[in-house]
PDB file of N, CA and C in Angstrom:
ATOM      1  N   MET A   1      -0.356  21.822  -0.585  1.00  0.00           N
ATOM      2  CA  MET A   1      -0.580  21.329  -1.163  1.00  0.00           C
ATOM      3  C   MET A   1       0.017  20.808  -2.539  1.00  0.00           C
ATOM      4  N   LEU A   2       0.205  21.918  -3.166  1.00  0.00           N
ATOM      5  CA  LEU A   2       0.878  21.357  -4.017  1.00  0.00           C
ATOM      6  C   LEU A   2       2.411  21.183  -4.440  1.00  0.00           C
ATOM      7  N   LEU A   3       2.895  21.179  -3.254  1.00  0.00           N
ATOM      8  CA  LEU A   3       4.152  20.905  -2.846  1.00  0.00           C
ATOM      9  C   LEU A   3       4.628  19.556  -2.945  1.00  0.00           C
ATOM     10  N   GLU A   4       3.121  19.096  -1.612  1.00  0.00           N
ATOM     11  CA  GLU A   4       3.197  18.068  -1.143  1.00  0.00           C
ATOM     12  C   GLU A   4       3.127  16.693  -2.095  1.00  0.00           C
ATOM     13  N   GLN A   5       2.420  17.267  -3.510  1.00  0.00           N
ATOM     14  CA  GLN A   5       1.967  16.108  -4.429  1.00  0.00           C
ATOM     15  C   GLN A   5       2.969  16.089  -5.306  1.00  0.00           C
ATOM     16  N   ALA A   6       3.899  17.415  -5.535  1.00  0.00           N
ATOM     17  CA  ALA A   6       4.798  16.741  -6.298  1.00  0.00           C
ATOM     18  C   ALA A   6       6.195  16.441  -5.298  1.00  0.00           C
ATOM     19  N   LEU A   7       6.304  16.810  -4.119  1.00  0.00           N
ATOM     20  CA  LEU A   7       7.392  15.686  -3.077  1.00  0.00           C
ATOM     21  C   LEU A   7       7.135  14.281  -3.445  1.00  0.00           C
ATOM     22  N   ARG A   8       5.632  13.873  -3.289  1.00  0.00           N
ATOM     23  CA  ARG A   8       5.373  12.558  -3.489  1.00  0.00           C
ATOM     24  C   ARG A   8       5.635  11.463  -4.572  1.00  0.00           C
ATOM     25  N   LYS A   9       5.364  12.739  -5.914  1.00  0.00           N
ATOM     26  CA  LYS A   9       5.417  12.021  -7.044  1.00  0.00           C
ATOM     27  C   LYS A   9       6.710  11.796  -6.948  1.00  0.00           C
ATOM     28  N   HIS A  10       7.775  13.099  -6.665  1.00  0.00           N
ATOM     29  CA  HIS A  10       9.186  12.821  -6.629  1.00  0.00           C
ATOM     30  C   HIS A  10       9.725  11.327  -6.401  1.00  0.00           C
ATOM     31  N   LEU A  11       9.254  11.414  -4.648  1.00  0.00           N
ATOM     32  CA  LEU A  11       9.839  10.163  -3.941  1.00  0.00           C
ATOM     33  C   LEU A  11       9.413   8.685  -4.933  1.00  0.00           C
ATOM     34  N   GLU A  12       7.907   8.929  -5.182  1.00  0.00           N
ATOM     35  CA  GLU A  12       7.564   7.381  -5.705  1.00  0.00           C
ATOM     36  C   GLU A  12       8.315   7.243  -7.032  1.00  0.00           C
ATOM     37  N   GLY A  13       9.014   8.026  -7.933  1.00  0.00           N
ATOM     38  CA  GLY A  13       9.534   8.168  -8.373  1.00  0.00           C
ATOM     39  C   GLY A  13      11.003   7.498  -8.634  1.00  0.00           C
ATOM     40  N   CYS A  14      11.525   8.011  -7.660  1.00  0.00           N
ATOM     41  CA  CYS A  14      12.579   7.244  -6.892  1.00  0.00           C
ATOM     42  C   CYS A  14      12.423   5.948  -6.713  1.00  0.00           C
ATOM     43  N   LEU A  15      11.619   5.874  -5.969  1.00  0.00           N
ATOM     44  CA  LEU A  15      11.304   4.666  -5.752  1.00  0.00           C
ATOM     45  C   LEU A  15      11.366   3.475  -6.483  1.00  0.00           C
ATOM     46  N   ALA A  16      10.492   3.725  -7.475  1.00  0.00           N
ATOM     47  CA  ALA A  16      10.291   2.772  -8.546  1.00  0.00           C
ATOM     48  C   ALA A  16      11.583   2.611  -9.493  1.00  0.00           C
ATOM     49  N   TYR A  17      12.145   3.636  -9.517  1.00  0.00           N
ATOM     50  CA  TYR A  17      13.798   3.664 -10.177  1.00  0.00           C
ATOM     51  C   TYR A  17      14.779   2.925  -9.930  1.00  0.00           C
ATOM     52  N   HIS A  18      15.086   2.749  -8.339  1.00  0.00           N
ATOM     53  CA  HIS A  18      15.277   1.791  -7.339  1.00  0.00           C
ATOM     54  C   HIS A  18      14.822   0.207  -7.632  1.00  0.00           C
ATOM     55  N   GLN A  19      13.736   0.207  -7.669  1.00  0.00           N
ATOM     56  CA  GLN A  19      12.925  -1.292  -7.404  1.00  0.00           C
ATOM     57  C   GLN A  19      13.178  -1.771  -8.834  1.00  0.00           C
ATOM     58  N   ALA A  20      13.579  -0.843  -9.924  1.00  0.00           N
ATOM     59  CA  ALA A  20      13.495  -1.298 -11.286  1.00  0.00           C
ATOM     60  C   ALA A  20      14.565  -1.942 -11.692  1.00  0.00           C
ATOM     61  N   ASN A  21      15.950  -1.515 -10.787  1.00  0.00           N
ATOM     62  CA  ASN A  21      17.073  -1.367 -10.998  1.00  0.00           C
ATOM     63  C   ASN A  21      17.561  -2.585  -9.773  1.00  0.00           C
ATOM     64  N   PHE A  22      16.762  -3.247  -8.771  1.00  0.00           N
ATOM     65  CA  PHE A  22      16.948  -3.729  -7.843  1.00  0.00           C
ATOM     66  C   PHE A  22      16.818  -5.425  -8.513  1.00  0.00           C
ATOM     67  N   GLN A  23      15.237  -5.453  -9.480  1.00  0.00           N
ATOM     68  CA  GLN A  23      14.846  -6.497 -10.115  1.00  0.00           C
ATOM     69  C   GLN A  23      15.468  -6.518 -10.971  1.00  0.00           C
ATOM     70  N   THR A  24      15.823  -5.381 -11.875  1.00  0.00           N
ATOM     71  CA  THR A  24      16.660  -6.041 -13.192  1.00  0.00           C
ATOM     72  C   THR A  24      18.162  -6.608 -12.939  1.00  0.00           C
ATOM     73  N   PHE A  25      18.774  -6.452 -11.568  1.00  0.00           N
ATOM     74  CA  PHE A  25      19.868  -6.656 -11.558  1.00  0.00           C
ATOM     75  C   PHE A  25      19.800  -8.142 -11.225  1.00  0.00           C
ATOM     76  N   LEU A  26      18.426  -8.572 -10.160  1.00  0.00           N
ATOM     77  CA  LEU A  26      18.485  -9.926  -9.632  1.00  0.00           C
ATOM     78  C   LEU A  26      18.449 -10.661 -10.678  1.00  0.00           C
ATOM     79  N   ALA A  27      17.788 -10.311 -11.975  1.00  0.00           N
ATOM     80  CA  ALA A  27      17.195 -11.287 -12.946  1.00  0.00           C
ATOM     81  C   ALA A  27      18.247 -11.629 -13.862  1.00  0.00           C
ATOM     82  N   ASN A  28      19.185 -10.304 -14.151  1.00  0.00           N
ATOM     83  CA  ASN A  28      20.526 -10.865 -15.008  1.00  0.00           C
ATOM     84  C   ASN A  28      22.034  -9.973 -14.418  1.00  0.00           C
ATOM     85  N   PRO A  29      22.442 -10.147 -13.263  1.00  0.00           N
ATOM     86  CA  PRO A  29      23.669  -9.626 -13.142  1.00  0.00           C
ATOM     87  C   PRO A  29      24.808  -9.651 -13.824  1.00  0.00           C
ATOM     88  N   VAL A  30      24.783 -10.541 -14.728  1.00  0.00           N
ATOM     89  CA  VAL A  30      25.634 -10.501 -15.430  1.00  0.00           C
ATOM     90  C   VAL A  30      25.639  -9.216 -16.989  1.00  0.00           C
ATOM     91  N   GLY A  31      24.820  -9.048 -17.003  1.00  0.00           N
ATOM     92  CA  GLY A  31      24.354  -8.188 -17.464  1.00  0.00           C
ATOM     93  C   GLY A  31      24.684  -6.748 -17.437  1.00  0.00           C
ATOM     94  N   VAL A  32      25.080  -6.357 -16.335  1.00  0.00           N
ATOM     95  CA  VAL A  32      25.747  -5.219 -15.789  1.00  0.00           C
ATOM     96  C   VAL A  32      27.471  -5.341 -15.182  1.00  0.00           C
ATOM     97  N   ALA A  33      27.980  -4.926 -16.538  1.00  0.00           N
ATOM     98  CA  ALA A  33      29.630  -5.080 -16.398  1.00  0.00           C
ATOM     99  C   ALA A  33      30.453  -4.237 -15.519  1.00  0.00           C
ATOM    100  N   GLU A  34      29.759  -3.281 -15.004  1.00  0.00           N
ATOM    101  CA  GLU A  34      30.881  -2.234 -14.133  1.00  0.00           C
ATOM    102  C   GLU A  34      30.377  -2.800 -12.762  1.00  0.00           C
ATOM    103  N   HIS A  35      29.961  -3.512 -12.217  1.00  0.00           N
ATOM    104  CA  HIS A  35      29.170  -3.955 -11.408  1.00  0.00           C
ATOM    105  C   HIS A  35      30.355  -5.041 -10.491  1.00  0.00           C
ATOM    106  N   GLY A  36      31.578  -5.310 -10.261  1.00  0.00           N
ATOM    107  CA  GLY A  36      32.140  -6.339  -9.959  1.00  0.00           C
ATOM    108  C   GLY A  36      31.374  -7.220  -8.277  1.00  0.00           C
ATOM    109  N   ASP A  37      30.981  -6.220  -7.498  1.00  0.00           N
ATOM    110  CA  ASP A  37      30.591  -6.605  -6.289  1.00  0.00           C
ATOM    111  C   ASP A  37      29.316  -7.150  -6.193  1.00  0.00           C
ATOM    112  N   TYR A  38      28.453  -8.342  -6.592  1.00  0.00           N
ATOM    113  CA  TYR A  38      26.991  -8.204  -7.065  1.00  0.00           C
ATOM    114  C   TYR A  38      26.224  -7.811  -5.498  1.00  0.00           C
ATOM    115  N   MET A  39      26.739  -8.406  -4.608  1.00  0.00           N
ATOM    116  CA  MET A  39      26.012  -8.628  -3.160  1.00  0.00           C
ATOM    117  C   MET A  39      26.193  -6.800  -2.530  1.00  0.00           C
ATOM    118  N   GLU A  40      27.667  -6.032  -2.693  1.00  0.00           N
ATOM    119  CA  GLU A  40      27.515  -4.830  -2.635  1.00  0.00           C
ATOM    120  C   GLU A  40      26.235  -3.896  -2.885  1.00  0.00           C
ATOM    121  N   THR A  41      26.276  -4.545  -4.952  1.00  0.00           N
ATOM    122  CA  THR A  41      25.234  -3.700  -5.588  1.00  0.00           C
ATOM    123  C   THR A  41      23.866  -3.981  -4.972  1.00  0.00           C
ATOM    124  N   LEU A  42      23.645  -4.603  -5.115  1.00  0.00           N
ATOM    125  CA  LEU A  42      22.325  -5.107  -4.331  1.00  0.00           C
ATOM    126  C   LEU A  42      21.825  -4.950  -3.413  1.00  0.00           C
ATOM    127  N   GLU A  43      22.789  -4.734  -2.344  1.00  0.00           N
ATOM    128  CA  GLU A  43      22.840  -3.618  -1.092  1.00  0.00           C
ATOM    129  C   GLU A  43      22.115  -2.473  -0.802  1.00  0.00           C
ATOM    130  N   LYS A  44      23.069  -1.710  -1.960  1.00  0.00           N
ATOM    131  CA  LYS A  44      22.733  -0.462  -2.328  1.00  0.00           C
ATOM    132  C   LYS A  44      22.003  -0.125  -2.916  1.00  0.00           C
ATOM    133  N   GLU A  45      21.152  -0.806  -3.479  1.00  0.00           N
ATOM    134  CA  GLU A  45      19.927  -0.744  -4.115  1.00  0.00           C
ATOM    135  C   GLU A  45      19.007  -0.714  -3.191  1.00  0.00           C
ATOM    136  N   LEU A  46      18.979  -1.807  -2.187  1.00  0.00           N
ATOM    137  CA  LEU A  46      18.044  -1.818  -1.233  1.00  0.00           C
ATOM    138  C   LEU A  46      18.032  -1.044  -0.597  1.00  0.00           C
ATOM    139  N   SER A  47      19.003  -0.570   0.121  1.00  0.00           N
ATOM    140  CA  SER A  47      19.307   0.684   0.807  1.00  0.00           C
ATOM    141  C   SER A  47      18.080   2.048   0.357  1.00  0.00           C
ATOM    142  N   LYS A  48      18.654   2.096  -0.838  1.00  0.00           N
ATOM    143  CA  LYS A  48      18.066   3.519  -1.616  1.00  0.00           C
ATOM    144  C   LYS A  48      16.306   2.912  -1.433  1.00  0.00           C
ATOM    145  N   ILE A  49      15.910   1.411  -2.030  1.00  0.00           N
ATOM    146  CA  ILE A  49      14.689   1.407  -1.800  1.00  0.00           C
ATOM    147  C   ILE A  49      14.145   1.440  -0.255  1.00  0.00           C
ATOM    148  N   ALA A  50      14.842   1.288   0.642  1.00  0.00           N
ATOM    149  CA  ALA A  50      14.517   1.430   1.927  1.00  0.00           C
ATOM    150  C   ALA A  50      14.207   2.916   2.445  1.00  0.00           C
ATOM    151  N   HIS A  51      15.486   3.761   2.027  1.00  0.00           N
ATOM    152  CA  HIS A  51      15.331   4.863   2.084  1.00  0.00           C
ATOM    153  C   HIS A  51      13.802   5.823   1.631  1.00  0.00           C
ATOM    154  N   TYR A  52      13.775   5.963   0.252  1.00  0.00           N
ATOM    155  CA  TYR A  52      12.792   6.196  -0.627  1.00  0.00           C
ATOM    156  C   TYR A  52      11.238   5.503   0.440  1.00  0.00           C
ATOM    157  N   GLU A  53      11.159   4.687   0.799  1.00  0.00           N
ATOM    158  CA  GLU A  53       9.864   3.825   1.461  1.00  0.00           C
ATOM    159  C   GLU A  53      10.151   4.362   2.834  1.00  0.00           C
ATOM    160  N   ASP A  54      10.989   5.043   3.124  1.00  0.00           N
ATOM    161  CA  ASP A  54      10.759   5.900   5.234  1.00  0.00           C
ATOM    162  C   ASP A  54      10.850   7.224   4.601  1.00  0.00           C
ATOM    163  N   LEU A  55      10.828   7.643   3.566  1.00  0.00           N
ATOM    164  CA  LEU A  55      10.375   9.081   3.243  1.00  0.00           C
ATOM    165  C   LEU A  55       9.160   9.351   3.016  1.00  0.00           C
ATOM    166  N   LEU A  56       8.509   8.279   1.932  1.00  0.00           N
ATOM    167  CA  LEU A  56       6.937   8.607   1.843  1.00  0.00           C
ATOM    168  C   LEU A  56       6.241   8.173   2.848  1.00  0.00           C
ATOM    169  N   GLY A  57       6.683   6.994   3.846  1.00  0.00           N
ATOM    170  CA  GLY A  57       6.111   6.961   5.052  1.00  0.00           C
ATOM    171  C   GLY A  57       6.070   7.931   5.815  1.00  0.00           C
ATOM    172  N   ALA A  58       6.958   9.011   6.120  1.00  0.00           N
ATOM    173  CA  ALA A  58       7.074   9.958   6.782  1.00  0.00           C
ATOM    174  C   ALA A  58       6.431  11.057   6.413  1.00  0.00           C
ATOM    175  N   LEU A  59       6.426  11.354   4.866  1.00  0.00           N
ATOM    176  CA  LEU A  59       5.335  12.269   4.448  1.00  0.00           C
ATOM    177  C   LEU A  59       3.817  11.769   4.911  1.00  0.00           C
ATOM    178  N   ALA A  60       3.562  10.320   4.831  1.00  0.00           N
ATOM    179  CA  ALA A  60       1.989  10.186   5.069  1.00  0.00           C
ATOM    180  C   ALA A  60       1.734  10.434   6.456  1.00  0.00           C
ATOM    181  N   ARG A  61       3.017  10.329   7.446  1.00  0.00           N
ATOM    182  CA  ARG A  61       2.391  10.829   8.752  1.00  0.00           C
ATOM    183  C   ARG A  61       2.176  12.198   8.927  1.00  0.00           C
ATOM    184  N   GLN A  62       2.922  12.785   8.558  1.00  0.00           N
ATOM    185  CA  GLN A  62       3.182  14.146   8.390  1.00  0.00           C
ATOM    186  C   GLN A  62       1.807  14.496   8.050  1.00  0.00           C
ATOM    187  N   GLN A  63       0.956  13.850   7.178  1.00  0.00           N
ATOM    188  CA  GLN A  63      -0.492  14.540   5.752  1.00  0.00           C
ATOM    189  C   GLN A  63      -1.209  14.094   6.999  1.00  0.00           C
ATOM    190  N   GLU A  64      -1.205  13.062   8.066  1.00  0.00           N
ATOM    191  CA  GLU A  64      -2.192  12.532   8.748  1.00  0.00           C
ATOM    192  C   GLU A  64      -2.356  13.765  10.268  1.00  0.00           C
ATOM    193  N   GLY A  65      -0.937  14.389  10.293  1.00  0.00           N
ATOM    194  CA  GLY A  65      -1.110  15.087  11.472  1.00  0.00           C
ATOM    195  C   GLY A  65      -1.157  16.467  11.637  1.00  0.00           C
TER     196      GLY A  65
END
């Protein structure tokens, strides 16, 4: 139980991190100078968001079963 809680919190933290990056970049893409390809950067962050959402969903399904 403790390990499952720790894993969930870890995944939720990673998800929040990438959501914040995505929203920040959308709001101010010029402020992130090292990213020359805006669409590629947004797609990478969105992919990470989807990844962590999928992992959280899989964890929830495992806890149900």
